């Protein structure tokens, strides 16, 4: 039986690691974690925050995920949106999910990310 999602893998172009670090560690406030030796040799970065784990893997013929995306639950969604905006990230609010506040943003290589919080 499925119990949890261990991580979500997103793709990134070769040589984008510093951009990814600035966004995922800086703007999102995640912590970069060391990759084991074999995956580390392939490039990319791994990040986590609490139970959330995102792996960014290098893909030579990279195309950003514009529709497919992780949905990331956040606390104090308005403050989190403000944090991203202060880091120069465009935030697009979407009111089409009943019972939730949510917005979308893109990482620096164009991958779509959804941020949401249940309405109380």
N, C-alpha and C. Protein backbone atom coordinates (compact mmCIF):
# COMPACT_ATOMS: atom_id res chain seq x y z
N UNK A 1 0.84 -1.20 0.00
CA UNK A 1 0.00 0.00 0.00
C UNK A 1 0.88 1.25 0.00
N UNK A 2 0.45 2.23 -0.75
CA UNK A 2 1.16 3.51 -0.74
C UNK A 2 0.99 4.19 0.62
N UNK A 3 2.04 4.81 1.08
CA UNK A 3 1.99 5.46 2.38
C UNK A 3 2.29 6.95 2.30
N UNK A 4 3.19 7.35 1.43
CA UNK A 4 3.57 8.76 1.33
C UNK A 4 4.34 8.98 0.03
N UNK A 5 4.49 10.22 -0.33
CA UNK A 5 5.37 10.58 -1.44
C UNK A 5 6.74 10.86 -0.82
N UNK A 6 7.75 10.16 -1.29
CA UNK A 6 9.10 10.36 -0.75
C UNK A 6 9.70 11.66 -1.27
N UNK A 7 9.57 11.91 -2.57
CA UNK A 7 10.08 13.14 -3.16
C UNK A 7 9.42 13.36 -4.51
N UNK A 8 9.59 14.55 -5.03
CA UNK A 8 9.16 14.88 -6.38
C UNK A 8 10.41 15.27 -7.16
N UNK A 9 10.56 14.70 -8.34
CA UNK A 9 11.70 15.02 -9.22
C UNK A 9 11.25 16.01 -10.27
N UNK A 10 12.00 17.08 -10.42
CA UNK A 10 11.79 18.05 -11.49
C UNK A 10 13.07 18.09 -12.31
N UNK A 11 12.94 18.42 -13.58
CA UNK A 11 14.10 18.49 -14.45
C UNK A 11 14.63 19.92 -14.53
N UNK A 12 15.89 20.03 -14.90
CA UNK A 12 16.53 21.32 -15.07
C UNK A 12 17.62 21.18 -16.14
N UNK A 13 17.96 22.28 -16.80
CA UNK A 13 19.00 22.20 -17.82
C UNK A 13 20.40 22.09 -17.21
N UNK A 14 21.33 21.55 -17.96
CA UNK A 14 22.71 21.48 -17.48
C UNK A 14 23.23 22.87 -17.10
N UNK A 15 23.99 22.92 -16.01
CA UNK A 15 24.61 24.17 -15.59
C UNK A 15 23.71 25.13 -14.84
N UNK A 16 22.50 24.72 -14.46
CA UNK A 16 21.56 25.62 -13.79
C UNK A 16 21.58 25.52 -12.27
N UNK A 17 22.51 24.78 -11.71
CA UNK A 17 22.51 24.52 -10.26
C UNK A 17 22.52 25.80 -9.42
N UNK A 18 23.31 26.80 -9.79
CA UNK A 18 23.35 28.03 -8.98
C UNK A 18 22.02 28.76 -9.02
N UNK A 19 21.37 28.80 -10.18
CA UNK A 19 20.02 29.39 -10.27
C UNK A 19 19.05 28.64 -9.37
N UNK A 20 19.14 27.31 -9.39
CA UNK A 20 18.25 26.48 -8.57
C UNK A 20 18.50 26.74 -7.09
N UNK A 21 19.74 26.84 -6.69
CA UNK A 21 20.06 27.09 -5.28
C UNK A 21 19.50 28.45 -4.83
N UNK A 22 19.67 29.45 -5.68
CA UNK A 22 19.16 30.79 -5.34
C UNK A 22 17.65 30.75 -5.15
N UNK A 23 16.96 30.01 -6.00
CA UNK A 23 15.50 29.94 -5.91
C UNK A 23 15.03 29.03 -4.78
N UNK A 24 15.43 27.77 -4.81
CA UNK A 24 14.88 26.80 -3.86
C UNK A 24 15.37 27.04 -2.43
N UNK A 25 16.65 27.37 -2.25
CA UNK A 25 17.14 27.66 -0.91
C UNK A 25 16.83 29.10 -0.52
N UNK A 26 17.11 30.03 -1.42
CA UNK A 26 16.91 31.44 -1.11
C UNK A 26 15.46 31.85 -1.05
N UNK A 27 14.76 31.80 -2.19
CA UNK A 27 13.37 32.28 -2.25
C UNK A 27 12.42 31.37 -1.49
N UNK A 28 12.52 30.06 -1.70
CA UNK A 28 11.57 29.14 -1.04
C UNK A 28 11.97 28.82 0.39
N UNK A 29 13.22 29.02 0.76
CA UNK A 29 13.65 28.75 2.13
C UNK A 29 13.90 27.29 2.43
N UNK A 30 14.15 26.50 1.39
CA UNK A 30 14.45 25.08 1.58
C UNK A 30 15.93 24.92 1.90
N UNK A 31 16.31 23.74 2.35
CA UNK A 31 17.70 23.43 2.64
C UNK A 31 18.22 22.47 1.58
N UNK A 32 19.38 22.79 1.03
CA UNK A 32 19.99 21.85 0.09
C UNK A 32 20.59 20.69 0.88
N UNK A 33 20.36 19.47 0.40
CA UNK A 33 20.93 18.29 1.04
C UNK A 33 21.90 17.63 0.07
N UNK A 34 22.91 16.99 0.64
CA UNK A 34 23.93 16.34 -0.19
C UNK A 34 23.32 15.15 -0.92
N UNK A 35 23.70 15.02 -2.18
CA UNK A 35 23.28 13.88 -2.97
C UNK A 35 24.30 12.76 -2.79
N UNK A 36 23.85 11.51 -2.85
CA UNK A 36 24.81 10.41 -2.84
C UNK A 36 25.75 10.52 -4.04
N UNK A 37 26.94 9.89 -3.98
CA UNK A 37 27.96 10.07 -5.02
C UNK A 37 27.50 9.81 -6.46
N UNK A 38 26.78 8.74 -6.72
CA UNK A 38 26.40 8.45 -8.11
C UNK A 38 25.45 9.50 -8.66
N UNK A 39 24.34 9.84 -7.97
CA UNK A 39 23.50 10.92 -8.50
C UNK A 39 24.22 12.27 -8.53
N UNK A 40 25.10 12.52 -7.58
CA UNK A 40 25.82 13.80 -7.55
C UNK A 40 26.66 13.99 -8.81
N UNK A 41 27.20 12.91 -9.34
CA UNK A 41 28.02 12.99 -10.55
C UNK A 41 27.20 13.40 -11.77
N UNK A 42 25.89 13.23 -11.70
CA UNK A 42 25.02 13.60 -12.83
C UNK A 42 24.56 15.05 -12.76
N UNK A 43 24.92 15.77 -11.70
CA UNK A 43 24.52 17.17 -11.55
C UNK A 43 23.15 17.30 -10.89
N UNK A 44 22.68 18.52 -10.81
CA UNK A 44 21.41 18.79 -10.17
C UNK A 44 21.57 19.07 -8.68
N UNK A 45 20.44 19.25 -8.01
CA UNK A 45 20.42 19.59 -6.59
C UNK A 45 19.20 18.94 -5.93
N UNK A 46 19.34 18.63 -4.65
CA UNK A 46 18.22 18.12 -3.85
C UNK A 46 17.95 19.11 -2.73
N UNK A 47 16.66 19.34 -2.46
CA UNK A 47 16.26 20.29 -1.42
C UNK A 47 15.17 19.67 -0.56
N UNK A 48 15.10 20.13 0.71
CA UNK A 48 14.01 19.70 1.57
C UNK A 48 13.64 20.79 2.56
N UNK A 49 12.41 20.69 3.03
CA UNK A 49 11.88 21.55 4.08
C UNK A 49 10.82 20.73 4.80
N UNK A 50 11.09 20.36 6.04
CA UNK A 50 10.16 19.48 6.75
C UNK A 50 10.02 18.17 6.00
N UNK A 51 8.79 17.80 5.68
CA UNK A 51 8.50 16.55 4.97
C UNK A 51 8.58 16.70 3.44
N UNK A 52 8.81 17.91 2.96
CA UNK A 52 8.83 18.18 1.52
C UNK A 52 10.24 17.95 0.98
N UNK A 53 10.34 17.11 -0.05
CA UNK A 53 11.64 16.86 -0.71
C UNK A 53 11.47 17.06 -2.21
N UNK A 54 12.29 17.93 -2.77
CA UNK A 54 12.29 18.17 -4.21
C UNK A 54 13.68 17.88 -4.74
N UNK A 55 13.74 17.06 -5.77
CA UNK A 55 14.99 16.74 -6.44
C UNK A 55 14.97 17.40 -7.81
N UNK A 56 16.01 18.13 -8.12
CA UNK A 56 16.16 18.76 -9.43
C UNK A 56 17.27 18.03 -10.15
N UNK A 57 16.89 17.31 -11.21
CA UNK A 57 17.85 16.52 -11.97
C UNK A 57 18.13 17.14 -13.33
N UNK A 58 19.37 17.04 -13.76
CA UNK A 58 19.79 17.61 -15.04
C UNK A 58 19.29 16.73 -16.18
N UNK A 59 18.73 17.41 -17.18
CA UNK A 59 18.23 16.74 -18.38
C UNK A 59 18.79 17.50 -19.58
N UNK A 60 19.57 16.81 -20.40
CA UNK A 60 20.24 17.46 -21.52
C UNK A 60 19.26 18.14 -22.47
N UNK A 61 18.18 17.48 -22.83
CA UNK A 61 17.18 18.07 -23.73
C UNK A 61 16.01 18.64 -22.93
N UNK A 62 16.34 19.39 -21.90
CA UNK A 62 15.37 19.93 -20.94
C UNK A 62 14.26 20.75 -21.59
N UNK A 63 13.05 20.49 -21.14
CA UNK A 63 11.87 21.33 -21.41
C UNK A 63 11.16 21.50 -20.09
N UNK A 64 10.83 22.72 -19.67
CA UNK A 64 10.19 22.93 -18.38
C UNK A 64 8.81 22.30 -18.31
N UNK A 65 8.44 21.87 -17.11
CA UNK A 65 7.09 21.33 -16.86
C UNK A 65 6.15 22.51 -16.69
N UNK A 66 5.34 22.77 -17.69
CA UNK A 66 4.43 23.92 -17.65
C UNK A 66 3.05 23.54 -17.11
N UNK A 67 2.66 22.28 -17.25
CA UNK A 67 1.37 21.82 -16.74
C UNK A 67 1.57 20.92 -15.52
N UNK A 68 2.39 19.88 -15.68
CA UNK A 68 2.69 19.00 -14.54
C UNK A 68 3.41 19.82 -13.48
N UNK A 69 3.09 19.59 -12.20
CA UNK A 69 3.69 20.38 -11.14
C UNK A 69 3.46 19.73 -9.78
N UNK A 70 4.34 20.01 -8.82
CA UNK A 70 4.05 19.61 -7.45
C UNK A 70 3.11 20.64 -6.82
N UNK A 71 2.22 20.18 -5.97
CA UNK A 71 1.36 21.05 -5.17
C UNK A 71 1.93 21.08 -3.76
N UNK A 72 2.40 22.24 -3.33
CA UNK A 72 3.10 22.36 -2.05
C UNK A 72 2.23 23.10 -1.04
N UNK A 73 1.92 22.44 0.07
CA UNK A 73 1.13 23.08 1.13
C UNK A 73 2.01 24.02 1.93
N UNK A 74 1.49 25.19 2.21
CA UNK A 74 2.23 26.17 2.98
C UNK A 74 1.37 26.70 4.12
N UNK A 75 2.03 27.24 5.13
CA UNK A 75 1.33 27.95 6.19
C UNK A 75 1.46 29.44 5.90
N UNK A 76 0.48 30.22 6.32
CA UNK A 76 0.46 31.66 6.08
C UNK A 76 0.78 31.96 4.62
N UNK A 77 -0.14 31.55 3.76
CA UNK A 77 0.09 31.62 2.32
C UNK A 77 0.32 33.05 1.81
N UNK A 78 -0.35 34.01 2.41
CA UNK A 78 -0.15 35.40 1.97
C UNK A 78 1.29 35.84 2.26
N UNK A 79 1.80 35.52 3.43
CA UNK A 79 3.17 35.88 3.78
C UNK A 79 4.16 35.15 2.88
N UNK A 80 3.86 33.91 2.54
CA UNK A 80 4.76 33.14 1.68
C UNK A 80 4.77 33.74 0.27
N UNK A 81 3.60 34.13 -0.23
CA UNK A 81 3.54 34.80 -1.54
C UNK A 81 4.33 36.10 -1.52
N UNK A 82 4.23 36.84 -0.42
CA UNK A 82 5.00 38.09 -0.29
C UNK A 82 6.50 37.80 -0.30
N UNK A 83 6.90 36.72 0.39
CA UNK A 83 8.32 36.34 0.43
C UNK A 83 8.83 36.10 -0.99
N UNK A 84 8.06 35.31 -1.77
CA UNK A 84 8.49 35.02 -3.14
C UNK A 84 8.56 36.30 -3.97
N UNK A 85 7.55 37.16 -3.82
CA UNK A 85 7.54 38.42 -4.57
C UNK A 85 8.76 39.27 -4.23
N UNK A 86 9.16 39.29 -2.96
CA UNK A 86 10.35 40.05 -2.55
C UNK A 86 11.62 39.49 -3.20
N UNK A 87 11.58 38.21 -3.56
CA UNK A 87 12.72 37.58 -4.24
C UNK A 87 12.59 37.68 -5.77
N UNK A 88 11.62 38.47 -6.23
CA UNK A 88 11.47 38.69 -7.67
C UNK A 88 10.69 37.62 -8.40
N UNK A 89 10.01 36.76 -7.66
CA UNK A 89 9.23 35.68 -8.25
C UNK A 89 7.81 36.18 -8.55
N UNK A 90 7.33 35.94 -9.75
CA UNK A 90 5.96 36.30 -10.11
C UNK A 90 4.99 35.30 -9.50
N UNK A 91 4.01 35.80 -8.78
CA UNK A 91 3.00 34.98 -8.11
C UNK A 91 1.67 35.19 -8.83
N UNK A 92 1.03 34.09 -9.24
CA UNK A 92 -0.28 34.17 -9.91
C UNK A 92 -1.32 33.49 -9.03
N UNK A 93 -2.17 34.29 -8.41
CA UNK A 93 -3.23 33.75 -7.55
C UNK A 93 -4.30 33.09 -8.41
N UNK A 94 -4.88 32.02 -7.89
CA UNK A 94 -5.92 31.27 -8.58
C UNK A 94 -6.99 30.88 -7.56
N UNK A 95 -8.19 31.38 -7.75
CA UNK A 95 -9.27 31.11 -6.81
C UNK A 95 -10.19 29.98 -7.24
N UNK A 96 -9.73 29.08 -8.09
CA UNK A 96 -10.60 28.06 -8.66
C UNK A 96 -10.58 26.70 -7.96
N UNK A 97 -10.04 26.64 -6.74
CA UNK A 97 -10.06 25.39 -5.99
C UNK A 97 -10.83 25.63 -4.70
N UNK A 98 -12.11 25.21 -4.66
CA UNK A 98 -12.93 25.48 -3.48
C UNK A 98 -12.26 24.97 -2.19
N UNK A 99 -12.37 25.81 -1.15
CA UNK A 99 -11.83 25.43 0.15
C UNK A 99 -10.34 25.68 0.30
N UNK A 100 -9.71 26.29 -0.69
CA UNK A 100 -8.27 26.54 -0.64
C UNK A 100 -7.93 27.93 -1.16
N UNK A 101 -6.86 28.48 -0.66
CA UNK A 101 -6.19 29.63 -1.29
C UNK A 101 -4.98 29.05 -1.97
N UNK A 102 -4.71 29.51 -3.19
CA UNK A 102 -3.54 28.98 -3.88
C UNK A 102 -3.01 29.97 -4.89
N UNK A 103 -1.74 29.77 -5.21
CA UNK A 103 -1.10 30.53 -6.27
C UNK A 103 -0.10 29.64 -6.98
N UNK A 104 0.27 30.09 -8.17
CA UNK A 104 1.27 29.40 -8.97
C UNK A 104 2.48 30.31 -9.13
N UNK A 105 3.63 29.69 -9.30
CA UNK A 105 4.87 30.41 -9.60
C UNK A 105 5.72 29.49 -10.45
N UNK A 106 6.75 30.04 -11.06
CA UNK A 106 7.70 29.24 -11.83
C UNK A 106 9.08 29.34 -11.20
N UNK A 107 9.80 28.23 -11.23
CA UNK A 107 11.19 28.29 -10.79
C UNK A 107 12.01 28.98 -11.89
N UNK A 108 13.29 29.24 -11.67
CA UNK A 108 14.04 30.03 -12.65
C UNK A 108 14.29 29.34 -13.99
N UNK A 109 13.97 28.04 -14.09
CA UNK A 109 14.13 27.35 -15.37
C UNK A 109 12.77 27.07 -16.02
N UNK A 110 11.69 27.61 -15.42
CA UNK A 110 10.37 27.53 -16.04
C UNK A 110 9.45 26.43 -15.56
N UNK A 111 9.85 25.64 -14.55
CA UNK A 111 8.95 24.61 -14.02
C UNK A 111 7.84 25.25 -13.19
N UNK A 112 6.63 24.78 -13.38
CA UNK A 112 5.47 25.29 -12.67
C UNK A 112 5.41 24.69 -11.26
N UNK A 113 5.09 25.54 -10.27
CA UNK A 113 4.91 25.10 -8.89
C UNK A 113 3.60 25.66 -8.38
N UNK A 114 2.85 24.85 -7.65
CA UNK A 114 1.60 25.29 -7.03
C UNK A 114 1.81 25.35 -5.53
N UNK A 115 1.33 26.43 -4.91
CA UNK A 115 1.39 26.61 -3.46
C UNK A 115 -0.04 26.77 -2.96
N UNK A 116 -0.42 26.01 -1.95
CA UNK A 116 -1.80 26.08 -1.50
C UNK A 116 -1.93 25.88 0.00
N UNK A 117 -3.05 26.39 0.52
CA UNK A 117 -3.38 26.25 1.94
C UNK A 117 -4.89 26.13 2.05
N UNK A 118 -5.36 25.19 2.89
CA UNK A 118 -6.81 25.09 3.10
C UNK A 118 -7.34 26.37 3.74
N UNK A 119 -8.53 26.76 3.34
CA UNK A 119 -9.17 27.90 3.99
C UNK A 119 -9.75 27.41 5.32
N UNK A 120 -9.64 28.24 6.29
CA UNK A 120 -10.13 27.85 7.62
C UNK A 120 -11.52 28.38 7.83
